[in-house]
């Protein structure tokens, strides 16, 4: 059989490329923390050869794969280990729905999948939502009934949304767009819309400072929360709806920048490799999607990035590069950009994973595992002696901040401050 690129997009077939070298097993951050997970090789390519869609699933230990993707990164033969595991989890969820539809964990995982709706509903009564999310008895009830760990980090809900700011206050106050300014579309995702407007405002400020007209397409959740919790049907509905909204921009050759590393990966490759969406819209959108740091670094390489940064006077900030940013396989453009700022020293912590991996670390049965995975990072950050760190993935930011005590910001927030265009 000839393994063409098109054929290899069927991630299950990459299992045949596994030579059982165990490099993925050695690199897995979850395996050393628990005996409930036998490792990515065992539940991934090895088990894939024995999966029969007509037979009951034996994959109970598979649920403890965090989906961080370190295994896929290190495989020397191109086996899509994490992606194989994600697809198998979806099949396992289907079986569980048939056998135990009232299982509270299934309801919890379903709720986690509707991240966009949670942000919308919680934001309507934001003060009450925030009180309950920080009220010990309410958190314990959620843990006992749904298995959402009471210690897991939760974001703050807001009544006012990012899009409301962008089309309201920002349009009234921003400088006029120069004639002929290049256009860039911004996919902000759920986290910026509902929880972290400051990240979106920094991204807009940096892009506009560099002469771009920022467009904000109609958009919805990318579907990743549903995908990572095994609801592929729901994830595909979200994905196809989003592709219809973004394709007109991509079709005009307008680059689409994404601030969240996991959302960006979803648009770039997961729609095709994991969800099996092989439409023209999926292809053309993937070709135009850039991580925001990737986009700006390409701009710098072309001699078009402004470098009028203010000297930071010897400031030091530690950086955690998230697992899903590494899966973009674009190097470390955030570190490269930060290296342009005079008087700023940044240091990558060199730790594979913070443990949270989307919603994995929110689940009570996995919270302690996630914390053990991230402990080396938390210890290293606390030992750095500073009060601020950088990470470009939202749930990683929340987890690191909660577990280390540091303020954790996005690369673009630091760049906006260095440019002198940060709000406040």
Protein backbone atom coordinates (compact mmCIF):
# COMPACT_ATOMS: atom_id res chain seq x y z
CA UNK A 1 0.00 0.00 0.00
CA UNK A 2 1.24 3.50 -0.87
CA UNK A 3 0.72 5.98 1.97
CA UNK A 4 -0.30 9.17 0.20
CA UNK A 5 -0.93 12.40 2.17
CA UNK A 6 -4.64 12.02 1.48
CA UNK A 7 -4.70 8.48 2.84
CA UNK A 8 -2.74 9.44 5.93
CA UNK A 9 -5.40 12.00 6.82
CA UNK A 10 -7.36 8.96 7.95
CA UNK A 11 -5.51 8.92 11.25
CA UNK A 12 -6.42 5.34 12.08
CA UNK A 13 -4.35 4.09 9.16
CA UNK A 14 -1.22 5.67 10.62
CA UNK A 15 -1.31 2.93 13.28
CA UNK A 16 0.32 0.68 10.66
CA UNK A 17 3.40 2.92 10.77
CA UNK A 18 4.01 2.13 14.45
CA UNK A 19 7.16 0.04 15.06
CA UNK A 20 6.60 -0.17 18.85
CA UNK A 21 9.71 1.85 19.64
CA UNK A 22 8.03 3.22 22.80
CA UNK A 23 9.32 6.75 22.32
CA UNK A 24 5.75 8.01 22.84
CA UNK A 25 5.48 5.96 26.03
CA UNK A 26 8.70 7.47 27.35
CA UNK A 27 7.55 11.01 26.57
CA UNK A 28 3.98 10.71 27.88
CA UNK A 29 3.50 13.08 30.86
CA UNK A 30 0.47 11.17 32.20
CA UNK A 31 1.95 7.66 32.36
CA UNK A 32 4.39 8.30 35.28
CA UNK A 33 1.62 9.76 37.45
CA UNK A 34 -0.93 6.91 37.48
CA UNK A 35 -1.26 3.17 36.97
CA UNK A 36 -4.72 3.73 35.46
CA UNK A 37 -3.19 4.61 32.08
CA UNK A 38 -0.94 2.04 30.34
CA UNK A 39 0.52 4.55 27.91
CA UNK A 40 -0.12 6.03 24.46
CA UNK A 41 1.37 3.16 22.44
CA UNK A 42 -0.78 0.57 24.18
CA UNK A 43 -4.12 2.42 23.92
CA UNK A 44 -3.22 4.08 20.60
CA UNK A 45 -1.72 2.27 17.60
CA UNK A 46 -1.41 -1.10 19.35
CA UNK A 47 -5.04 -1.20 20.49
CA UNK A 48 -6.25 0.29 17.20
CA UNK A 49 -5.31 -2.90 15.39
CA UNK A 50 -7.80 -4.81 17.54
CA UNK A 51 -10.72 -2.39 17.55
CA UNK A 52 -13.85 -3.77 15.92
CA UNK A 53 -16.77 -1.36 15.57
CA UNK A 54 -19.18 -4.28 15.90
CA UNK A 55 -17.78 -5.40 19.27
CA UNK A 56 -17.89 -3.86 22.78
CA UNK A 57 -15.01 -1.50 23.49
CA UNK A 58 -12.24 -2.74 25.82
CA UNK A 59 -10.81 0.77 26.05
CA UNK A 60 -11.61 1.70 29.66
CA UNK A 61 -8.06 2.95 30.34
CA UNK A 62 -8.18 5.08 27.20
CA UNK A 63 -10.26 7.66 29.06
CA UNK A 64 -7.16 8.64 31.05
CA UNK A 65 -5.33 9.87 27.95
CA UNK A 66 -5.27 13.65 28.41
CA UNK A 67 -5.04 14.44 24.71
CA UNK A 68 -1.99 16.66 25.18
CA UNK A 69 -0.46 15.40 21.93
CA UNK A 70 3.10 14.95 23.20
CA UNK A 71 3.02 11.41 21.79
CA UNK A 72 2.19 12.66 18.30
CA UNK A 73 4.94 15.27 18.51
CA UNK A 74 7.70 12.81 19.37
CA UNK A 75 6.74 9.90 17.10
CA UNK A 76 9.56 9.49 14.53
CA UNK A 77 7.30 7.60 12.11
CA UNK A 78 4.35 9.97 11.81
CA UNK A 79 1.84 7.96 13.82
CA UNK A 80 -1.05 10.21 14.89
CA UNK A 81 -1.19 8.70 18.38
CA UNK A 82 -3.23 11.38 20.15
CA UNK A 83 -5.60 11.64 17.20
CA UNK A 84 -6.15 7.85 17.19
CA UNK A 85 -6.93 8.01 20.90
CA UNK A 86 -9.35 10.91 20.43
CA UNK A 87 -11.29 9.03 17.74
CA UNK A 88 -11.41 5.90 19.93
CA UNK A 89 -12.75 7.98 22.83
CA UNK A 90 -15.64 9.09 20.64
CA UNK A 91 -16.52 5.47 19.90
CA UNK A 92 -16.30 4.66 23.59
CA UNK A 93 -18.64 7.55 24.42
CA UNK A 94 -21.20 6.24 21.91
CA UNK A 95 -21.12 2.86 23.61
CA UNK A 96 -21.48 4.41 27.07
CA UNK A 97 -24.46 6.48 25.91
CA UNK A 98 -26.16 3.29 24.77
CA UNK A 99 -25.41 1.30 27.92
CA UNK A 100 -25.47 3.91 30.73
CA UNK A 101 -27.19 7.08 29.42
CA UNK A 102 -27.80 8.40 32.96
CA UNK A 103 -24.15 8.24 34.00
CA UNK A 104 -23.38 11.64 35.65
CA UNK A 105 -19.94 11.70 34.01
CA UNK A 106 -21.57 11.56 30.59
CA UNK A 107 -23.76 14.51 31.53
CA UNK A 108 -20.71 16.39 32.80
CA UNK A 109 -18.78 15.74 29.60
CA UNK A 110 -21.80 16.87 27.57
CA UNK A 111 -22.01 20.10 29.58
CA UNK A 112 -18.30 20.77 29.05
CA UNK A 113 -18.88 20.45 25.31
CA UNK A 114 -21.25 23.42 25.31
CA UNK A 115 -18.62 25.96 26.32
CA UNK A 116 -20.15 28.66 24.14
CA UNK A 117 -23.58 28.25 25.72
CA UNK A 118 -22.06 28.22 29.21
CA UNK A 119 -20.41 31.57 28.53
CA UNK A 120 -23.61 33.04 27.13
CA UNK A 121 -25.91 31.86 29.91
CA UNK A 122 -23.43 32.46 32.74
CA UNK A 123 -22.72 35.95 31.43
CA UNK A 124 -26.37 36.97 31.62
CA UNK A 125 -26.17 36.77 35.40
CA UNK A 126 -22.41 37.20 35.73
CA UNK A 127 -22.29 38.38 39.38
CA UNK A 128 -24.39 35.40 40.52
CA UNK A 129 -22.45 32.97 38.34
CA UNK A 130 -19.10 34.20 39.65
CA UNK A 131 -20.33 33.96 43.24
CA UNK A 132 -21.49 30.38 42.79
CA UNK A 133 -18.29 29.39 40.98
CA UNK A 134 -16.30 30.56 44.00
CA UNK A 135 -18.72 29.38 46.69
CA UNK A 136 -17.31 26.28 48.35
CA UNK A 137 -20.60 24.44 49.01
CA UNK A 138 -21.75 24.99 45.40
CA UNK A 139 -18.45 23.64 44.07
CA UNK A 140 -18.70 20.58 46.34
CA UNK A 141 -22.23 19.88 45.10
CA UNK A 142 -20.97 20.03 41.51
CA UNK A 143 -18.17 17.63 42.43
CA UNK A 144 -20.46 15.11 44.15
CA UNK A 145 -23.17 15.17 41.48
CA UNK A 146 -21.30 15.73 38.21
CA UNK A 147 -17.68 15.03 39.06
CA UNK A 148 -16.40 18.58 38.40
CA UNK A 149 -13.54 18.96 40.84
CA UNK A 150 -14.04 21.74 43.36
CA UNK A 151 -10.38 22.79 43.10
CA UNK A 152 -10.28 23.18 39.32
CA UNK A 153 -9.70 26.73 37.98
CA UNK A 154 -12.74 28.51 36.59
CA UNK A 155 -12.70 31.77 34.61
CA UNK A 156 -14.71 34.87 35.51
CA UNK A 157 -17.92 35.41 33.57
CA UNK A 158 -18.78 38.82 32.12
CA UNK A 159 -22.03 40.44 31.04
CA UNK A 160 -20.28 42.60 28.45
CA UNK A 161 -18.72 40.67 25.60
CA UNK A 162 -15.67 41.18 23.40
CA UNK A 163 -17.73 41.60 20.23
CA UNK A 164 -19.84 44.25 21.92
CA UNK A 165 -16.66 46.18 22.76
CA UNK A 166 -15.23 45.75 19.24
CA UNK A 167 -18.33 46.93 17.35
CA UNK A 168 -19.21 49.58 19.93
CA UNK A 169 -16.63 51.43 21.97
CA UNK A 170 -13.66 50.42 19.83
CA UNK A 171 -15.19 51.58 16.55
CA UNK A 172 -16.03 54.94 18.13
CA UNK A 173 -12.59 55.49 19.65
CA UNK A 174 -10.06 53.94 17.27
CA UNK A 175 -8.05 55.94 14.78
CA UNK A 176 -9.38 55.96 11.20
CA UNK A 177 -8.22 53.03 9.09
CA UNK A 178 -5.70 54.20 6.45
CA UNK A 179 -6.90 53.80 2.84
CA UNK A 180 -5.71 50.53 1.35
CA UNK A 181 -4.80 49.02 4.71
CA UNK A 182 -4.31 45.24 4.49
CA UNK A 183 -7.14 43.21 6.02
CA UNK A 184 -6.90 40.44 8.58
CA UNK A 185 -9.78 38.42 10.04
CA UNK A 186 -9.67 37.59 13.73
CA UNK A 187 -11.16 34.38 15.14
CA UNK A 188 -11.39 35.18 18.84
CA UNK A 189 -13.09 32.02 20.10
CA UNK A 190 -15.22 31.49 23.20
CA UNK A 191 -12.61 32.33 25.83
CA UNK A 192 -11.98 35.85 24.55
CA UNK A 193 -15.65 36.51 23.87
CA UNK A 194 -16.89 35.46 27.29
CA UNK A 195 -14.00 35.42 29.76
CA UNK A 196 -10.82 37.21 28.64
CA UNK A 197 -11.63 40.32 26.64
CA UNK A 198 -8.23 41.75 27.55
CA UNK A 199 -6.52 39.17 25.33
CA UNK A 200 -8.67 40.06 22.34
CA UNK A 201 -8.18 43.78 22.86
CA UNK A 202 -4.41 43.30 22.96
CA UNK A 203 -4.49 41.30 19.71
CA UNK A 204 -6.57 43.97 17.98
CA UNK A 205 -4.27 46.72 19.30
CA UNK A 206 -1.11 44.97 18.06
CA UNK A 207 -2.57 44.29 14.61
CA UNK A 208 -3.88 47.83 14.19
CA UNK A 209 -0.58 49.27 15.37
CA UNK A 210 0.99 47.36 12.50
CA UNK A 211 -1.38 48.95 10.00
CA UNK A 212 -4.00 46.24 9.58
CA UNK A 213 -7.73 46.64 9.29
CA UNK A 214 -9.07 44.01 11.70
CA UNK A 215 -12.24 42.24 10.59
CA UNK A 216 -14.39 40.28 13.02
CA UNK A 217 -16.34 37.60 11.13
CA UNK A 218 -19.52 36.07 12.46
CA UNK A 219 -18.34 33.00 14.34
CA UNK A 220 -19.24 30.26 16.77
CA UNK A 221 -17.36 27.80 18.97
CA UNK A 222 -14.83 25.80 16.94
CA UNK A 223 -16.21 22.55 18.41
CA UNK A 224 -13.06 21.47 20.23
CA UNK A 225 -14.73 21.06 23.66
CA UNK A 226 -17.21 18.62 22.12
CA UNK A 227 -14.49 16.82 20.18
CA UNK A 228 -12.25 16.34 23.20
CA UNK A 229 -15.21 14.98 25.19
CA UNK A 230 -16.10 12.45 22.51
CA UNK A 231 -19.11 14.15 20.92
CA UNK A 232 -17.97 14.09 17.31
CA UNK A 233 -21.46 14.65 15.88
CA UNK A 234 -21.84 17.87 17.86
CA UNK A 235 -18.28 18.95 17.04
CA UNK A 236 -18.93 18.48 13.32
CA UNK A 237 -22.07 20.63 13.51
CA UNK A 238 -20.08 23.44 15.12
CA UNK A 239 -17.20 22.96 12.68
CA UNK A 240 -19.33 23.10 9.54
CA UNK A 241 -21.20 26.15 10.80
CA UNK A 242 -17.92 27.93 11.51
CA UNK A 243 -16.38 26.95 8.19
CA UNK A 244 -19.35 28.48 6.36
CA UNK A 245 -18.71 31.75 8.21
CA UNK A 246 -14.94 31.86 7.69
CA UNK A 247 -14.70 30.50 4.14
CA UNK A 248 -15.76 33.78 2.44
CA UNK A 249 -12.79 35.54 4.07
CA UNK A 250 -10.36 32.73 3.28
CA UNK A 251 -11.65 32.64 -0.29
CA UNK A 252 -10.62 36.28 -0.70
CA UNK A 253 -7.13 35.47 0.53
CA UNK A 254 -7.67 37.31 3.82
CA UNK A 255 -5.52 35.71 6.54
CA UNK A 256 -7.38 34.46 9.62
CA UNK A 257 -5.48 34.86 12.88
CA UNK A 258 -6.27 32.92 16.05
CA UNK A 259 -5.13 33.80 19.57
CA UNK A 260 -5.91 30.45 21.22
CA UNK A 261 -3.46 27.71 20.29
CA UNK A 262 -5.98 24.86 20.60
CA UNK A 263 -8.64 26.61 18.52
CA UNK A 264 -6.04 27.37 15.87
CA UNK A 265 -5.00 23.73 15.70
CA UNK A 266 -8.63 22.71 15.33
CA UNK A 267 -9.03 24.93 12.27
CA UNK A 268 -5.66 24.03 10.77
CA UNK A 269 -5.77 20.25 10.99
CA UNK A 270 -8.20 18.65 13.44
CA UNK A 271 -11.28 19.21 11.28
CA UNK A 272 -9.75 17.01 8.61
CA UNK A 273 -7.56 14.63 10.60
CA UNK A 274 -9.86 13.92 13.55
CA UNK A 275 -13.39 14.89 12.51
CA UNK A 276 -12.96 13.70 8.92
CA UNK A 277 -14.27 16.92 7.33
CA UNK A 278 -12.72 16.94 3.86
CA UNK A 279 -14.72 19.73 2.25
CA UNK A 280 -13.41 22.53 0.08
CA UNK A 281 -14.30 24.96 2.88
CA UNK A 282 -12.20 23.03 5.38
CA UNK A 283 -9.23 23.06 3.02
CA UNK A 284 -9.37 26.72 2.08
CA UNK A 285 -9.86 27.88 5.68
CA UNK A 286 -6.97 25.71 6.92
CA UNK A 287 -4.71 27.28 4.31
CA UNK A 288 -5.45 30.80 5.59
CA UNK A 289 -5.33 30.18 9.37
CA UNK A 290 -2.36 31.44 11.40
CA UNK A 291 -1.54 31.47 15.08
CA UNK A 292 -1.25 35.17 15.93
CA UNK A 293 2.44 34.87 16.85
CA UNK A 294 3.13 32.85 13.71
CA UNK A 295 1.45 35.56 11.60
CA UNK A 296 3.41 38.39 13.19
CA UNK A 297 6.72 36.56 12.94
CA UNK A 298 6.14 35.95 9.22
CA UNK A 299 5.43 39.65 8.98
CA UNK A 300 8.77 40.36 10.68
CA UNK A 301 10.61 38.00 8.35
CA UNK A 302 9.15 39.98 5.46
CA UNK A 303 10.42 43.23 6.99
CA UNK A 304 6.92 44.56 7.68
CA UNK A 305 6.57 44.26 11.47
CA UNK A 306 6.97 47.46 13.44
CA UNK A 307 9.67 47.18 16.08
CA UNK A 308 9.10 50.47 17.89
CA UNK A 309 9.01 48.71 21.25
CA UNK A 310 9.67 50.53 24.51
CA UNK A 311 12.66 49.35 26.49
CA UNK A 312 11.51 47.07 29.32
CA UNK A 313 14.39 47.89 31.63
CA UNK A 314 15.67 44.38 32.33
CA UNK A 315 12.29 42.72 32.81
CA UNK A 316 12.23 38.91 33.00
CA UNK A 317 9.19 36.74 32.18
CA UNK A 318 9.11 32.91 32.16
CA UNK A 319 7.14 31.30 29.30
CA UNK A 320 5.21 28.04 29.05
CA UNK A 321 4.65 26.85 25.48
CA UNK A 322 1.45 24.81 25.52
CA UNK A 323 1.22 21.29 24.11
CA UNK A 324 -1.18 22.30 21.36
CA UNK A 325 1.02 25.21 20.28
CA UNK A 326 3.80 22.69 19.72
CA UNK A 327 1.45 20.58 17.59
CA UNK A 328 1.26 23.47 15.10
CA UNK A 329 4.88 22.57 14.21
CA UNK A 330 5.78 26.22 13.58
CA UNK A 331 8.69 26.54 15.98
CA UNK A 332 8.41 29.07 18.81
CA UNK A 333 7.29 32.32 17.13
CA UNK A 334 6.04 33.80 20.41
CA UNK A 335 9.53 33.53 21.89
CA UNK A 336 11.02 34.96 18.69
CA UNK A 337 8.70 37.97 18.84
CA UNK A 338 9.36 38.63 22.51
CA UNK A 339 13.08 38.46 21.74
CA UNK A 340 12.69 41.61 19.63
CA UNK A 341 11.66 43.71 22.65
CA UNK A 342 14.64 45.59 24.12
CA UNK A 343 15.27 45.10 27.82
CA UNK A 344 13.03 42.03 27.99
CA UNK A 345 14.36 38.56 28.79
CA UNK A 346 12.06 35.58 28.34
CA UNK A 347 12.83 31.99 29.20
CA UNK A 348 10.90 28.91 28.11
CA UNK A 349 10.35 26.64 31.09
CA UNK A 350 10.96 23.46 29.08
CA UNK A 351 8.10 21.52 30.70
CA UNK A 352 5.94 19.49 28.33
CA UNK A 353 2.49 20.02 29.86
CA UNK A 354 0.69 21.93 32.62
CA UNK A 355 -1.73 19.01 33.02
CA UNK A 356 -5.11 20.67 32.43
CA UNK A 357 -5.39 19.81 28.68
CA UNK A 358 -8.71 21.51 27.99
CA UNK A 359 -11.33 20.00 30.31
CA UNK A 360 -9.29 16.94 31.38
CA UNK A 361 -8.07 18.46 34.64
CA UNK A 362 -11.54 19.71 35.58
CA UNK A 363 -12.80 16.16 36.03
CA UNK A 364 -12.63 14.95 39.63
CA UNK A 365 -11.20 11.53 38.81
CA UNK A 366 -8.40 13.18 36.82
CA UNK A 367 -7.68 16.38 38.72
CA UNK A 368 -4.91 14.92 40.90
CA UNK A 369 -3.31 13.30 37.84
CA UNK A 370 -3.36 16.64 36.01
CA UNK A 371 -1.80 18.42 38.97
CA UNK A 372 1.01 15.87 39.21
CA UNK A 373 1.71 16.36 35.50
CA UNK A 374 1.92 20.14 35.95
CA UNK A 375 3.75 20.20 39.30
CA UNK A 376 7.27 20.54 37.82
CA UNK A 377 6.09 23.61 35.91
CA UNK A 378 4.37 25.16 38.92
CA UNK A 379 7.47 24.61 41.07
CA UNK A 380 9.77 26.11 38.46
CA UNK A 381 7.58 29.18 38.02
CA UNK A 382 7.38 29.80 41.77
CA UNK A 383 11.15 29.43 42.02
CA UNK A 384 11.64 32.08 39.30
CA UNK A 385 10.94 34.83 41.82
CA UNK A 386 8.70 36.85 39.49
CA UNK A 387 4.96 37.46 39.63
CA UNK A 388 4.07 37.09 35.94
CA UNK A 389 4.36 34.36 33.29
CA UNK A 390 3.26 33.92 29.68
CA UNK A 391 1.16 31.18 28.10
CA UNK A 392 -0.95 31.44 24.95
CA UNK A 393 -3.57 28.78 25.74
CA UNK A 394 -6.51 29.91 27.84
CA UNK A 395 -7.21 26.87 30.05
CA UNK A 396 -3.47 26.47 30.59
CA UNK A 397 -3.30 30.12 31.71
CA UNK A 398 -6.09 29.62 34.23
CA UNK A 399 -4.58 26.40 35.56
CA UNK A 400 -1.05 27.78 35.87
CA UNK A 401 -2.29 30.93 37.59
CA UNK A 402 -4.37 28.94 40.08
CA UNK A 403 -1.61 26.42 40.81
CA UNK A 404 1.46 28.69 40.85
CA UNK A 405 0.05 31.94 42.19
CA UNK A 406 1.50 33.95 39.28
CA UNK A 407 -0.40 36.23 36.95
CA UNK A 408 -0.38 34.51 33.54
CA UNK A 409 -0.88 36.56 30.37
CA UNK A 410 -0.88 36.09 26.61
CA UNK A 411 2.13 37.01 24.47
CA UNK A 412 0.08 39.71 22.75
CA UNK A 413 -0.63 41.43 26.06
CA UNK A 414 3.12 41.79 26.64
CA UNK A 415 3.68 43.02 23.07
CA UNK A 416 0.82 45.52 23.32
CA UNK A 417 2.40 46.90 26.50
CA UNK A 418 5.82 47.09 24.83
CA UNK A 419 4.28 48.91 21.86
CA UNK A 420 2.60 51.34 24.24
CA UNK A 421 -0.88 50.47 22.95
CA UNK A 422 -2.14 48.40 25.88
CA UNK A 423 -5.35 49.58 27.50
CA UNK A 424 -5.09 51.05 30.99
